[in-house]
Amino acid sequence: GHGMLVFLQRHEGEKTDVYFERGLTLNPKLYAVGGGLGVWTEHTFQTIRLDISESEGIDAEVKFVDVDGRNIEVRVGDKTPLSKRQMANGFLAPMGAAIDKPQSLPLVYMRQFDLLRRTGDEPVILIDGHSVSTGRLPAETMLGRRLIKVAKDLCMVSLNPSEINQEETEASRAMPVHEPGTVKRGGDKHVVEAITADLHGHTSRLVFDPPFPDLMSLAGSDSVGTWSIDVDETSSIVAGRWKTRRWEENSVEIVVDVTTGWRPQGLPLLMKVVTTVVPVFRHWPKTYRWVATVSLHDPSSATTTQSLPTMKSRWERTSSDRGESYRAMSGASKNE
């Protein structure tokens, strides 16, 4: 759908409240930000404006009252025409860097990305009339940019979502469920070479090398391989290793590690410098690991339910880094 979506975090590391306009169809199970989700609510906004002009730049404004009765007001923009912007063509948002308890590997790939220019009015961010500052780029005035991001044509890939331990709401039950994708099988039809998903004009592809094995046919030894994710025409946004081990007759453990982070290509000079100086942009995916235990079906079971395989899985972070290098660079406040 089309409409406004606002993330509001009270303090660094705390849960994030999400406010969204009527008409948007969203699934809260796909949003895990920072310390997790707080309030999730369809909301009526007093002011909503997002104007993007070929000749006059960007103008955005939102006003609303949050669940605690506080007046929230944001006005940002610049006067740089789109024709004069040098936008990054392909940028992986570091959204997953700050997530404490991930429910998936969240890959938000932006086909076009830029920072606001210092050609407009000063940003206005008010909470009950009190001004809140944004982070800043080093030498921001000389660079002519603000640390306020703008993006176009986003594609979000959620790899191996885990079961989310939260109460199911009426809204989440009404969300559409998309099929996991088209499976390309190997020669014997029991192994998986790739899984492809198409949605809203974007294509993502998970590739295994060698093909992922048939868990039922595993012997006692480990099976290992590599995997990668392509988004649209960009190959290997991130990549890693997978390993399977059959612990006992009817139990298999699967471990998926991310070993190759995002490797930016073709960025404008400023973006290239920032993503090099601040390693979290490139390295945060490598702090993710997925672990699953699959209980295979019991052929002697008398019921169909008992004969189906079941899986318990979880994502974990392998590092305590939650984007501290980015906050140190930008001077972003940890306060409200």
C-alpha atoms as a PDB file:
ATOM      1  CA  GLY A   1       0.000   0.000   0.000  1.00  0.00           C
ATOM      2  CA  HIS A   2       0.891   3.683   0.119  1.00  0.00           C
ATOM      3  CA  GLY A   3       1.205   5.780   3.252  1.00  0.00           C
ATOM      4  CA  MET A   4       3.367   7.037   6.100  1.00  0.00           C
ATOM      5  CA  LEU A   5       5.304   4.733   8.421  1.00  0.00           C
ATOM      6  CA  VAL A   6       7.107   6.161  11.469  1.00  0.00           C
ATOM      7  CA  PHE A   7       9.628   4.441  13.750  1.00  0.00           C
ATOM      8  CA  LEU A   8       9.964   6.133  17.138  1.00  0.00           C
ATOM      9  CA  GLN A   9      12.630   4.948  19.587  1.00  0.00           C
ATOM     10  CA  ARG A  10      12.511   6.440  23.078  1.00  0.00           C
ATOM     11  CA  HIS A  11      16.102   5.748  24.103  1.00  0.00           C
ATOM     12  CA  GLU A  12      19.049   3.981  22.494  1.00  0.00           C
ATOM     13  CA  GLY A  13      18.626   0.207  22.818  1.00  0.00           C
ATOM     14  CA  GLU A  14      14.984   0.369  23.930  1.00  0.00           C
ATOM     15  CA  LYS A  15      12.018  -0.944  22.006  1.00  0.00           C
ATOM     16  CA  THR A  16      10.859   0.927  18.925  1.00  0.00           C
ATOM     17  CA  ASP A  17       7.269   2.106  18.511  1.00  0.00           C
ATOM     18  CA  VAL A  18       5.772   1.877  15.023  1.00  0.00           C
ATOM     19  CA  TYR A  19       3.004   4.182  13.786  1.00  0.00           C
ATOM     20  CA  PHE A  20       1.516   3.646  10.337  1.00  0.00           C
ATOM     21  CA  GLU A  21      -1.155   5.234   8.224  1.00  0.00           C
ATOM     22  CA  ARG A  22      -4.372   3.485   7.263  1.00  0.00           C
ATOM     23  CA  GLY A  23      -3.959   1.776   3.901  1.00  0.00           C
ATOM     24  CA  LEU A  24      -0.609   0.165   4.604  1.00  0.00           C
ATOM     25  CA  THR A  25      -0.519  -3.633   4.813  1.00  0.00           C
ATOM     26  CA  LEU A  26       2.325  -4.521   7.161  1.00  0.00           C
ATOM     27  CA  ASN A  27       3.376  -7.634   9.009  1.00  0.00           C
ATOM     28  CA  PRO A  28       4.875  -6.924  12.467  1.00  0.00           C
ATOM     29  CA  LYS A  29       6.638 -10.282  12.362  1.00  0.00           C
ATOM     30  CA  LEU A  30       9.015  -8.845   9.746  1.00  0.00           C
ATOM     31  CA  TYR A  31      10.036  -5.843  11.855  1.00  0.00           C
ATOM     32  CA  ALA A  32      12.675  -6.351  14.534  1.00  0.00           C
ATOM     33  CA  VAL A  33      14.401  -3.058  15.246  1.00  0.00           C
ATOM     34  CA  GLY A  34      16.947  -2.332  17.993  1.00  0.00           C
ATOM     35  CA  GLY A  35      15.621  -3.728  21.274  1.00  0.00           C
ATOM     36  CA  GLY A  36      12.482  -5.088  19.588  1.00  0.00           C
ATOM     37  CA  LEU A  37       8.985  -3.791  18.875  1.00  0.00           C
ATOM     38  CA  GLY A  38       7.086  -1.656  21.343  1.00  0.00           C
ATOM     39  CA  VAL A  39       3.788  -0.099  20.298  1.00  0.00           C
ATOM     40  CA  TRP A  40       2.475  -1.226  16.910  1.00  0.00           C
ATOM     41  CA  THR A  41      -0.497   0.895  15.906  1.00  0.00           C
ATOM     42  CA  GLU A  42      -2.442   2.214  12.956  1.00  0.00           C
ATOM     43  CA  HIS A  43      -2.466   5.960  13.530  1.00  0.00           C
ATOM     44  CA  THR A  44      -4.054   9.198  12.375  1.00  0.00           C
ATOM     45  CA  PHE A  45      -1.416  11.808  11.534  1.00  0.00           C
ATOM     46  CA  GLN A  46      -2.141  15.533  11.795  1.00  0.00           C
ATOM     47  CA  THR A  47       0.227  16.384   8.926  1.00  0.00           C
ATOM     48  CA  ILE A  48       1.775  14.178   6.267  1.00  0.00           C
ATOM     49  CA  ARG A  49       3.794  15.548   3.384  1.00  0.00           C
ATOM     50  CA  LEU A  50       6.454  14.034   1.164  1.00  0.00           C
ATOM     51  CA  ASP A  51       7.187  16.071  -1.947  1.00  0.00           C
ATOM     52  CA  ILE A  52       9.963  14.972  -4.297  1.00  0.00           C
ATOM     53  CA  SER A  53      10.462  17.379  -7.162  1.00  0.00           C
ATOM     54  CA  GLU A  54      12.656  17.124 -10.214  1.00  0.00           C
ATOM     55  CA  SER A  55      13.315  20.852  -9.972  1.00  0.00           C
ATOM     56  CA  GLU A  56      12.843  21.809  -6.318  1.00  0.00           C
ATOM     57  CA  GLY A  57      14.319  18.962  -4.270  1.00  0.00           C
ATOM     58  CA  ILE A  58      12.811  17.134  -1.285  1.00  0.00           C
ATOM     59  CA  ASP A  59      10.326  18.383   1.311  1.00  0.00           C
ATOM     60  CA  ALA A  60       9.039  16.103   4.080  1.00  0.00           C
ATOM     61  CA  GLU A  61       6.900  16.860   7.117  1.00  0.00           C
ATOM     62  CA  VAL A  62       5.007  14.782   9.675  1.00  0.00           C
ATOM     63  CA  LYS A  63       3.091  15.786  12.806  1.00  0.00           C
ATOM     64  CA  PHE A  64       1.269  13.471  15.194  1.00  0.00           C
ATOM     65  CA  VAL A  65       0.593  12.745  18.853  1.00  0.00           C
ATOM     66  CA  ASP A  66       2.226   9.567  20.182  1.00  0.00           C
ATOM     67  CA  VAL A  67       0.608   7.059  22.534  1.00  0.00           C
ATOM     68  CA  ASP A  68       1.928   8.987  25.545  1.00  0.00           C
ATOM     69  CA  GLY A  69       0.285  12.194  24.386  1.00  0.00           C
ATOM     70  CA  ARG A  70       3.488  13.889  23.225  1.00  0.00           C
ATOM     71  CA  ASN A  71       3.470  16.112  20.151  1.00  0.00           C
ATOM     72  CA  ILE A  72       5.942  14.847  17.544  1.00  0.00           C
ATOM     73  CA  GLU A  73       6.972  17.171  14.727  1.00  0.00           C
ATOM     74  CA  VAL A  74       9.537  16.541  11.966  1.00  0.00           C
ATOM     75  CA  ARG A  75      10.363  18.799   8.992  1.00  0.00           C
ATOM     76  CA  VAL A  76      13.359  18.006   6.765  1.00  0.00           C
ATOM     77  CA  GLY A  77      14.346  18.570   3.155  1.00  0.00           C
ATOM     78  CA  ASP A  78      16.669  20.308   0.724  1.00  0.00           C
ATOM     79  CA  LYS A  79      16.522  22.376  -2.438  1.00  0.00           C
ATOM     80  CA  THR A  80      18.699  20.200  -4.680  1.00  0.00           C
ATOM     81  CA  PRO A  81      16.908  19.059  -7.868  1.00  0.00           C
ATOM     82  CA  LEU A  82      16.902  15.344  -8.530  1.00  0.00           C
ATOM     83  CA  SER A  83      18.751  15.918 -11.783  1.00  0.00           C
ATOM     84  CA  LYS A  84      21.733  17.282  -9.838  1.00  0.00           C
ATOM     85  CA  ARG A  85      21.912  14.522  -7.228  1.00  0.00           C
ATOM     86  CA  GLN A  86      24.612  11.879  -7.447  1.00  0.00           C
ATOM     87  CA  MET A  87      22.776   8.990  -5.829  1.00  0.00           C
ATOM     88  CA  ALA A  88      24.260   5.676  -4.800  1.00  0.00           C
ATOM     89  CA  ASN A  89      22.913   2.918  -7.037  1.00  0.00           C
ATOM     90  CA  GLY A  90      22.692   0.045  -4.586  1.00  0.00           C
ATOM     91  CA  PHE A  91      23.085   0.429  -0.828  1.00  0.00           C
ATOM     92  CA  LEU A  92      22.538  -2.123   1.967  1.00  0.00           C
ATOM     93  CA  ALA A  93      20.981  -0.423   4.983  1.00  0.00           C
ATOM     94  CA  PRO A  94      22.699  -1.354   8.284  1.00  0.00           C
ATOM     95  CA  MET A  95      19.309  -1.875   9.946  1.00  0.00           C
ATOM     96  CA  GLY A  96      20.342  -5.251  11.321  1.00  0.00           C
ATOM     97  CA  ALA A  97      23.379  -3.834  13.116  1.00  0.00           C
ATOM     98  CA  ALA A  98      21.413  -2.600  16.136  1.00  0.00           C
ATOM     99  CA  ILE A  99      19.070  -5.584  16.601  1.00  0.00           C
ATOM    100  CA  ASP A 100      19.678  -7.394  19.891  1.00  0.00           C
ATOM    101  CA  LYS A 101      17.445 -10.421  19.332  1.00  0.00           C
ATOM    102  CA  PRO A 102      17.103 -10.959  15.576  1.00  0.00           C
ATOM    103  CA  GLN A 103      14.202 -12.976  14.225  1.00  0.00           C
ATOM    104  CA  SER A 104      15.735 -13.204  10.737  1.00  0.00           C
ATOM    105  CA  LEU A 105      18.644 -11.870   8.700  1.00  0.00           C
ATOM    106  CA  PRO A 106      17.103  -8.544   7.605  1.00  0.00           C
ATOM    107  CA  LEU A 107      18.501  -7.276   4.321  1.00  0.00           C
ATOM    108  CA  VAL A 108      17.078  -3.904   3.262  1.00  0.00           C
ATOM    109  CA  TYR A 109      18.566  -3.144  -0.152  1.00  0.00           C
ATOM    110  CA  MET A 110      18.021   0.350  -1.536  1.00  0.00           C
ATOM    111  CA  ARG A 111      18.281   0.678  -5.294  1.00  0.00           C
ATOM    112  CA  GLN A 112      18.875   4.432  -4.919  1.00  0.00           C
ATOM    113  CA  PHE A 113      20.245   6.169  -1.832  1.00  0.00           C
ATOM    114  CA  ASP A 114      21.385   9.670  -0.907  1.00  0.00           C
ATOM    115  CA  LEU A 115      21.939  12.110   1.967  1.00  0.00           C
ATOM    116  CA  LEU A 116      20.086  15.394   2.198  1.00  0.00           C
ATOM    117  CA  ARG A 117      22.072  18.380   0.970  1.00  0.00           C
ATOM    118  CA  ARG A 118      22.618  21.486   3.059  1.00  0.00           C
ATOM    119  CA  THR A 119      20.648  23.520   0.509  1.00  0.00           C
ATOM    120  CA  GLY A 120      17.418  23.747   2.489  1.00  0.00           C
ATOM    121  CA  ASP A 121      16.250  24.992   5.869  1.00  0.00           C
ATOM    122  CA  GLU A 122      17.672  23.565   9.062  1.00  0.00           C
ATOM    123  CA  PRO A 123      15.931  20.299  10.054  1.00  0.00           C
ATOM    124  CA  VAL A 124      13.196  20.623  12.683  1.00  0.00           C
ATOM    125  CA  ILE A 125      12.696  17.686  15.047  1.00  0.00           C
ATOM    126  CA  LEU A 126      10.553  18.468  18.095  1.00  0.00           C
ATOM    127  CA  ILE A 127       9.160  16.337  20.915  1.00  0.00           C
ATOM    128  CA  ASP A 128       6.635  18.333  22.921  1.00  0.00           C
ATOM    129  CA  GLY A 129       8.361  21.466  21.723  1.00  0.00           C
ATOM    130  CA  HIS A 130      11.856  20.342  22.744  1.00  0.00           C
ATOM    131  CA  SER A 131      14.395  20.223  19.919  1.00  0.00           C
ATOM    132  CA  VAL A 132      16.175  16.953  19.166  1.00  0.00           C
ATOM    133  CA  SER A 133      19.400  16.927  17.167  1.00  0.00           C
ATOM    134  CA  THR A 134      20.439  14.398  14.550  1.00  0.00           C
ATOM    135  CA  GLY A 135      23.829  12.788  14.117  1.00  0.00           C
ATOM    136  CA  ARG A 136      26.360  14.688  12.042  1.00  0.00           C
ATOM    137  CA  LEU A 137      28.961  13.825   9.446  1.00  0.00           C
ATOM    138  CA  PRO A 138      32.554  14.855  10.150  1.00  0.00           C
ATOM    139  CA  ALA A 139      33.201  18.096   8.218  1.00  0.00           C
ATOM    140  CA  GLU A 140      29.490  18.216   7.412  1.00  0.00           C
ATOM    141  CA  THR A 141      29.511  21.846   6.302  1.00  0.00           C
ATOM    142  CA  MET A 142      32.427  21.331   3.936  1.00  0.00           C
ATOM    143  CA  LEU A 143      30.829  18.202   2.486  1.00  0.00           C
ATOM    144  CA  GLY A 144      27.508  19.961   2.028  1.00  0.00           C
ATOM    145  CA  ARG A 145      25.512  16.983   3.359  1.00  0.00           C
ATOM    146  CA  ARG A 146      23.363  16.212   6.377  1.00  0.00           C
ATOM    147  CA  LEU A 147      23.225  12.812   8.069  1.00  0.00           C
ATOM    148  CA  ILE A 148      19.593  12.367   7.026  1.00  0.00           C
ATOM    149  CA  LYS A 149      19.013   9.581   4.555  1.00  0.00           C
ATOM    150  CA  VAL A 150      16.681   9.391   1.594  1.00  0.00           C
ATOM    151  CA  ALA A 151      16.077   6.249  -0.441  1.00  0.00           C
ATOM    152  CA  LYS A 152      14.027   5.000  -3.357  1.00  0.00           C
ATOM    153  CA  ASP A 153      12.935   1.569  -4.551  1.00  0.00           C
ATOM    154  CA  LEU A 154      13.607  -0.551  -1.459  1.00  0.00           C
ATOM    155  CA  CYS A 155      13.702  -4.342  -1.452  1.00  0.00           C
ATOM    156  CA  MET A 156      13.535  -6.158   1.900  1.00  0.00           C
ATOM    157  CA  VAL A 157      14.724  -9.755   2.131  1.00  0.00           C
ATOM    158  CA  SER A 158      14.036 -11.679   5.336  1.00  0.00           C
ATOM    159  CA  LEU A 159      16.156 -14.834   5.463  1.00  0.00           C
ATOM    160  CA  ASN A 160      14.978 -17.799   7.540  1.00  0.00           C
ATOM    161  CA  PRO A 161      12.520 -16.015   9.867  1.00  0.00           C
ATOM    162  CA  SER A 162      12.433 -17.624  13.302  1.00  0.00           C
ATOM    163  CA  GLU A 163       9.320 -18.113  15.367  1.00  0.00           C
ATOM    164  CA  ILE A 164       8.633 -14.767  17.074  1.00  0.00           C
ATOM    165  CA  ASN A 165       7.630 -14.986  20.716  1.00  0.00           C
ATOM    166  CA  GLN A 166       4.987 -12.287  20.759  1.00  0.00           C
ATOM    167  CA  GLU A 167       1.247 -12.314  21.114  1.00  0.00           C
ATOM    168  CA  GLU A 168      -0.449 -12.653  17.745  1.00  0.00           C
ATOM    169  CA  THR A 169      -2.677  -9.663  17.063  1.00  0.00           C
ATOM    170  CA  GLU A 170      -5.733  -9.402  14.871  1.00  0.00           C
ATOM    171  CA  ALA A 171      -3.664  -7.284  12.481  1.00  0.00           C
ATOM    172  CA  SER A 172      -0.880  -9.857  12.162  1.00  0.00           C
ATOM    173  CA  ARG A 173      -3.356 -12.683  11.611  1.00  0.00           C
ATOM    174  CA  ALA A 174      -4.807 -10.711   8.698  1.00  0.00           C
ATOM    175  CA  MET A 175      -1.457 -10.261   6.984  1.00  0.00           C
ATOM    176  CA  PRO A 176      -0.995 -12.042   3.649  1.00  0.00           C
ATOM    177  CA  VAL A 177       1.329 -15.028   3.707  1.00  0.00           C
ATOM    178  CA  HIS A 178       3.668 -15.242   0.721  1.00  0.00           C
ATOM    179  CA  GLU A 179       5.064 -18.513  -0.523  1.00  0.00           C
ATOM    180  CA  PRO A 180       8.746 -19.040   0.343  1.00  0.00           C
ATOM    181  CA  GLY A 181       9.757 -19.006  -3.318  1.00  0.00           C
ATOM    182  CA  THR A 182      10.486 -21.183  -6.330  1.00  0.00           C
ATOM    183  CA  VAL A 183      12.813 -24.063  -5.562  1.00  0.00           C
ATOM    184  CA  LYS A 184      15.394 -25.205  -8.093  1.00  0.00           C
ATOM    185  CA  ARG A 185      16.354 -28.797  -7.369  1.00  0.00           C
ATOM    186  CA  GLY A 186      19.436 -30.741  -8.363  1.00  0.00           C
ATOM    187  CA  GLY A 187      19.712 -33.753 -10.627  1.00  0.00           C
ATOM    188  CA  ASP A 188      18.247 -36.290  -8.207  1.00  0.00           C
ATOM    189  CA  LYS A 189      15.409 -33.904  -7.220  1.00  0.00           C
ATOM    190  CA  HIS A 190      16.203 -34.312  -3.504  1.00  0.00           C
ATOM    191  CA  VAL A 191      18.785 -31.536  -3.187  1.00  0.00           C
ATOM    192  CA  VAL A 192      18.221 -27.774  -3.486  1.00  0.00           C
ATOM    193  CA  GLU A 193      20.388 -25.628  -5.733  1.00  0.00           C
ATOM    194  CA  ALA A 194      18.571 -22.323  -5.276  1.00  0.00           C
ATOM    195  CA  ILE A 195      15.389 -20.645  -4.010  1.00  0.00           C
ATOM    196  CA  THR A 196      14.011 -17.645  -5.899  1.00  0.00           C
ATOM    197  CA  ALA A 197      11.345 -15.212  -4.662  1.00  0.00           C
ATOM    198  CA  ASP A 198       9.609 -12.525  -6.755  1.00  0.00           C
ATOM    199  CA  LEU A 199       7.503  -9.779  -5.200  1.00  0.00           C
ATOM    200  CA  HIS A 200       6.549  -6.211  -6.184  1.00  0.00           C
ATOM    201  CA  GLY A 201       8.948  -6.081  -9.105  1.00  0.00           C
ATOM    202  CA  HIS A 202      11.981  -7.355  -7.179  1.00  0.00           C
ATOM    203  CA  THR A 203      13.721 -10.728  -7.285  1.00  0.00           C
ATOM    204  CA  SER A 204      15.866 -12.303  -4.577  1.00  0.00           C
ATOM    205  CA  ARG A 205      17.753 -15.557  -4.968  1.00  0.00           C
ATOM    206  CA  LEU A 206      19.377 -17.819  -2.373  1.00  0.00           C
ATOM    207  CA  VAL A 207      22.046 -20.016  -3.976  1.00  0.00           C
ATOM    208  CA  PHE A 208      23.731 -23.106  -2.472  1.00  0.00           C
ATOM    209  CA  ASP A 209      27.082 -24.553  -3.548  1.00  0.00           C
ATOM    210  CA  PRO A 210      27.098 -27.511  -3.490  1.00  0.00           C
ATOM    211  CA  PRO A 211      23.320 -28.000  -3.470  1.00  0.00           C
ATOM    212  CA  PHE A 212      21.743 -28.257  -0.019  1.00  0.00           C
ATOM    213  CA  PRO A 213      21.324 -31.970   0.798  1.00  0.00           C
ATOM    214  CA  ASP A 214      18.316 -34.122   1.463  1.00  0.00           C
ATOM    215  CA  LEU A 215      18.280 -34.310   5.276  1.00  0.00           C
ATOM    216  CA  MET A 216      16.648 -37.731   5.231  1.00  0.00           C
ATOM    217  CA  SER A 217      19.604 -39.244   3.378  1.00  0.00           C
ATOM    218  CA  LEU A 218      22.378 -37.771   5.529  1.00  0.00           C
ATOM    219  CA  ALA A 219      24.851 -40.192   7.024  1.00  0.00           C
ATOM    220  CA  GLY A 220      26.856 -39.556  10.194  1.00  0.00           C
ATOM    221  CA  SER A 221      29.418 -37.218   8.632  1.00  0.00           C
ATOM    222  CA  ASP A 222      28.982 -33.462   8.280  1.00  0.00           C
ATOM    223  CA  SER A 223      27.855 -31.827   5.054  1.00  0.00           C
ATOM    224  CA  VAL A 224      29.253 -28.368   4.365  1.00  0.00           C
ATOM    225  CA  GLY A 225      28.915 -25.747   1.663  1.00  0.00           C
ATOM    226  CA  THR A 226      28.495 -22.085   0.853  1.00  0.00           C
ATOM    227  CA  TRP A 227      25.497 -19.880   0.169  1.00  0.00           C
ATOM    228  CA  SER A 228      24.880 -16.390  -1.195  1.00  0.00           C
ATOM    229  CA  ILE A 229      21.967 -14.017  -1.738  1.00  0.00           C
ATOM    230  CA  ASP A 230      21.392 -12.065  -4.959  1.00  0.00           C
ATOM    231  CA  VAL A 231      18.970  -9.137  -5.124  1.00  0.00           C
ATOM    232  CA  ASP A 232      17.759  -8.120  -8.580  1.00  0.00           C
ATOM    233  CA  GLU A 233      20.843  -7.642 -10.763  1.00  0.00           C
ATOM    234  CA  THR A 234      23.271  -7.457  -7.813  1.00  0.00           C
ATOM    235  CA  SER A 235      24.930 -10.767  -6.956  1.00  0.00           C
ATOM    236  CA  SER A 236      26.167 -11.859  -3.526  1.00  0.00           C
ATOM    237  CA  ILE A 237      24.797  -9.049  -1.374  1.00  0.00           C
ATOM    238  CA  VAL A 238      25.977 -11.225   1.505  1.00  0.00           C
ATOM    239  CA  ALA A 239      27.304 -14.792   1.615  1.00  0.00           C
ATOM    240  CA  GLY A 240      28.418 -17.449   4.039  1.00  0.00           C
ATOM    241  CA  ARG A 241      28.760 -21.106   4.959  1.00  0.00           C
ATOM    242  CA  TRP A 242      26.273 -23.799   5.918  1.00  0.00           C
ATOM    243  CA  LYS A 243      26.830 -27.064   7.774  1.00  0.00           C
ATOM    244  CA  THR A 244      24.575 -29.999   8.596  1.00  0.00           C
ATOM    245  CA  ARG A 245      25.203 -32.766  11.096  1.00  0.00           C
ATOM    246  CA  ARG A 246      23.057 -35.774  11.882  1.00  0.00           C
ATOM    247  CA  TRP A 247      23.305 -36.196  15.636  1.00  0.00           C
ATOM    248  CA  GLU A 248      21.141 -39.279  15.917  1.00  0.00           C
ATOM    249  CA  GLU A 249      18.793 -41.314  13.808  1.00  0.00           C
ATOM    250  CA  ASN A 250      16.006 -38.724  13.637  1.00  0.00           C
ATOM    251  CA  SER A 251      17.749 -35.433  14.472  1.00  0.00           C
ATOM    252  CA  VAL A 252      19.771 -33.052  12.260  1.00  0.00           C
ATOM    253  CA  GLU A 253      21.471 -29.809  13.260  1.00  0.00           C
ATOM    254  CA  ILE A 254      21.895 -27.025  10.685  1.00  0.00           C
ATOM    255  CA  VAL A 255      24.212 -24.052  11.210  1.00  0.00           C
ATOM    256  CA  VAL A 256      24.298 -21.090   8.826  1.00  0.00           C
ATOM    257  CA  ASP A 257      27.015 -18.444   9.269  1.00  0.00           C
ATOM    258  CA  VAL A 258      27.427 -15.166   7.399  1.00  0.00           C
ATOM    259  CA  THR A 259      31.106 -14.922   6.491  1.00  0.00           C
ATOM    260  CA  THR A 260      31.068 -12.281   3.738  1.00  0.00           C
ATOM    261  CA  GLY A 261      29.482  -8.915   4.443  1.00  0.00           C
ATOM    262  CA  TRP A 262      28.307  -6.281   2.028  1.00  0.00           C
ATOM    263  CA  ARG A 263      30.913  -5.195  -0.524  1.00  0.00           C
ATOM    264  CA  PRO A 264      29.928  -1.756  -1.868  1.00  0.00           C
ATOM    265  CA  GLN A 265      30.495  -1.116  -5.542  1.00  0.00           C
ATOM    266  CA  GLY A 266      30.221   2.038  -7.608  1.00  0.00           C
ATOM    267  CA  LEU A 267      29.421   4.388  -4.724  1.00  0.00           C
ATOM    268  CA  PRO A 268      29.913   8.156  -4.946  1.00  0.00           C
ATOM    269  CA  LEU A 269      33.176   9.246  -3.291  1.00  0.00           C
ATOM    270  CA  LEU A 270      31.549  10.462  -0.051  1.00  0.00           C
ATOM    271  CA  MET A 271      29.585   7.237   0.425  1.00  0.00           C
ATOM    272  CA  LYS A 272      32.681   5.199  -0.343  1.00  0.00           C
ATOM    273  CA  VAL A 273      34.677   7.038   2.320  1.00  0.00           C
ATOM    274  CA  VAL A 274      31.941   6.717   4.951  1.00  0.00           C
ATOM    275  CA  THR A 275      31.385   2.990   4.378  1.00  0.00           C
ATOM    276  CA  THR A 276      35.144   2.415   4.559  1.00  0.00           C
ATOM    277  CA  VAL A 277      35.808   4.500   7.680  1.00  0.00           C
ATOM    278  CA  VAL A 278      32.760   3.088   9.492  1.00  0.00           C
ATOM    279  CA  PRO A 279      33.063  -0.710   9.152  1.00  0.00           C
ATOM    280  CA  VAL A 280      29.594  -1.486  10.522  1.00  0.00           C
ATOM    281  CA  PHE A 281      28.131  -0.745   7.062  1.00  0.00           C
ATOM    282  CA  ARG A 282      30.058  -3.658   5.546  1.00  0.00           C
ATOM    283  CA  HIS A 283      30.598  -6.046   8.446  1.00  0.00           C
ATOM    284  CA  TRP A 284      27.359  -6.169  10.463  1.00  0.00           C
ATOM    285  CA  PRO A 285      25.912  -9.193   8.559  1.00  0.00           C
ATOM    286  CA  LYS A 286      28.936 -11.258   9.661  1.00  0.00           C
ATOM    287  CA  THR A 287      27.710 -11.077  13.270  1.00  0.00           C
ATOM    288  CA  TYR A 288      24.647 -13.219  12.424  1.00  0.00           C
ATOM    289  CA  ARG A 289      24.305 -16.988  12.821  1.00  0.00           C
ATOM    290  CA  TRP A 290      21.285 -19.258  12.344  1.00  0.00           C
ATOM    291  CA  VAL A 291      21.016 -22.557  14.246  1.00  0.00           C
ATOM    292  CA  ALA A 292      18.248 -25.094  13.689  1.00  0.00           C
ATOM    293  CA  THR A 293      17.407 -28.568  14.945  1.00  0.00           C
ATOM    294  CA  VAL A 294      15.259 -30.682  12.648  1.00  0.00           C
ATOM    295  CA  SER A 295      13.406 -33.670  14.040  1.00  0.00           C
ATOM    296  CA  LEU A 296      12.829 -35.997  11.114  1.00  0.00           C
ATOM    297  CA  HIS A 297       9.611 -37.881  10.724  1.00  0.00           C
ATOM    298  CA  ASP A 298       9.165 -41.294  12.255  1.00  0.00           C
ATOM    299  CA  PRO A 299       8.197 -43.776   9.495  1.00  0.00           C
ATOM    300  CA  SER A 300       6.639 -46.091  12.075  1.00  0.00           C
ATOM    301  CA  SER A 301       4.340 -43.358  13.399  1.00  0.00           C
ATOM    302  CA  ALA A 302       0.668 -44.172  13.270  1.00  0.00           C
ATOM    303  CA  THR A 303      -0.423 -40.583  12.590  1.00  0.00           C
ATOM    304  CA  THR A 304       0.356 -38.172   9.772  1.00  0.00           C
ATOM    305  CA  THR A 305       1.132 -35.323  12.217  1.00  0.00           C
ATOM    306  CA  GLN A 306       3.755 -37.348  14.065  1.00  0.00           C
ATOM    307  CA  SER A 307       5.355 -38.441  10.785  1.00  0.00           C
ATOM    308  CA  LEU A 308       6.075 -34.879   9.559  1.00  0.00           C
ATOM    309  CA  PRO A 309       9.464 -33.268  10.251  1.00  0.00           C
ATOM    310  CA  THR A 310       9.540 -30.412  12.758  1.00  0.00           C
ATOM    311  CA  MET A 311      12.139 -27.677  13.211  1.00  0.00           C
ATOM    312  CA  LYS A 312      13.206 -25.388  16.030  1.00  0.00           C
ATOM    313  CA  SER A 313      15.425 -22.507  14.981  1.00  0.00           C
ATOM    314  CA  ARG A 314      16.928 -19.279  16.251  1.00  0.00           C
ATOM    315  CA  TRP A 315      19.118 -16.416  15.106  1.00  0.00           C
ATOM    316  CA  GLU A 316      21.938 -15.212  17.334  1.00  0.00           C
ATOM    317  CA  ARG A 317      24.498 -12.424  17.254  1.00  0.00           C
ATOM    318  CA  THR A 318      28.131 -13.528  17.415  1.00  0.00           C
ATOM    319  CA  SER A 319      29.436 -10.080  18.399  1.00  0.00           C
ATOM    320  CA  SER A 320      28.422  -7.465  20.951  1.00  0.00           C
ATOM    321  CA  ASP A 321      28.923  -4.624  18.427  1.00  0.00           C
ATOM    322  CA  ARG A 322      25.623  -2.806  17.849  1.00  0.00           C
ATOM    323  CA  GLY A 323      26.905  -0.047  15.580  1.00  0.00           C
ATOM    324  CA  GLU A 324      29.036   1.816  18.107  1.00  0.00           C
ATOM    325  CA  SER A 325      31.483   2.891  15.377  1.00  0.00           C
ATOM    326  CA  TYR A 326      28.644   4.618  13.521  1.00  0.00           C
ATOM    327  CA  ARG A 327      27.482   6.462  16.648  1.00  0.00           C
ATOM    328  CA  ALA A 328      31.052   7.488  17.446  1.00  0.00           C
ATOM    329  CA  MET A 329      31.481   8.876  13.927  1.00  0.00           C
ATOM    330  CA  SER A 330      28.172  10.747  13.876  1.00  0.00           C
ATOM    331  CA  GLY A 331      27.982  11.818  17.513  1.00  0.00           C
ATOM    332  CA  ALA A 332      24.447  10.445  17.608  1.00  0.00           C
ATOM    333  CA  SER A 333      22.808  11.022  20.968  1.00  0.00           C
ATOM    334  CA  LYS A 334      21.831   8.138  23.176  1.00  0.00           C
ATOM    335  CA  ASN A 335      19.163  10.238  24.791  1.00  0.00           C
ATOM    336  CA  GLU A 336      15.582  10.890  23.818  1.00  0.00           C
END
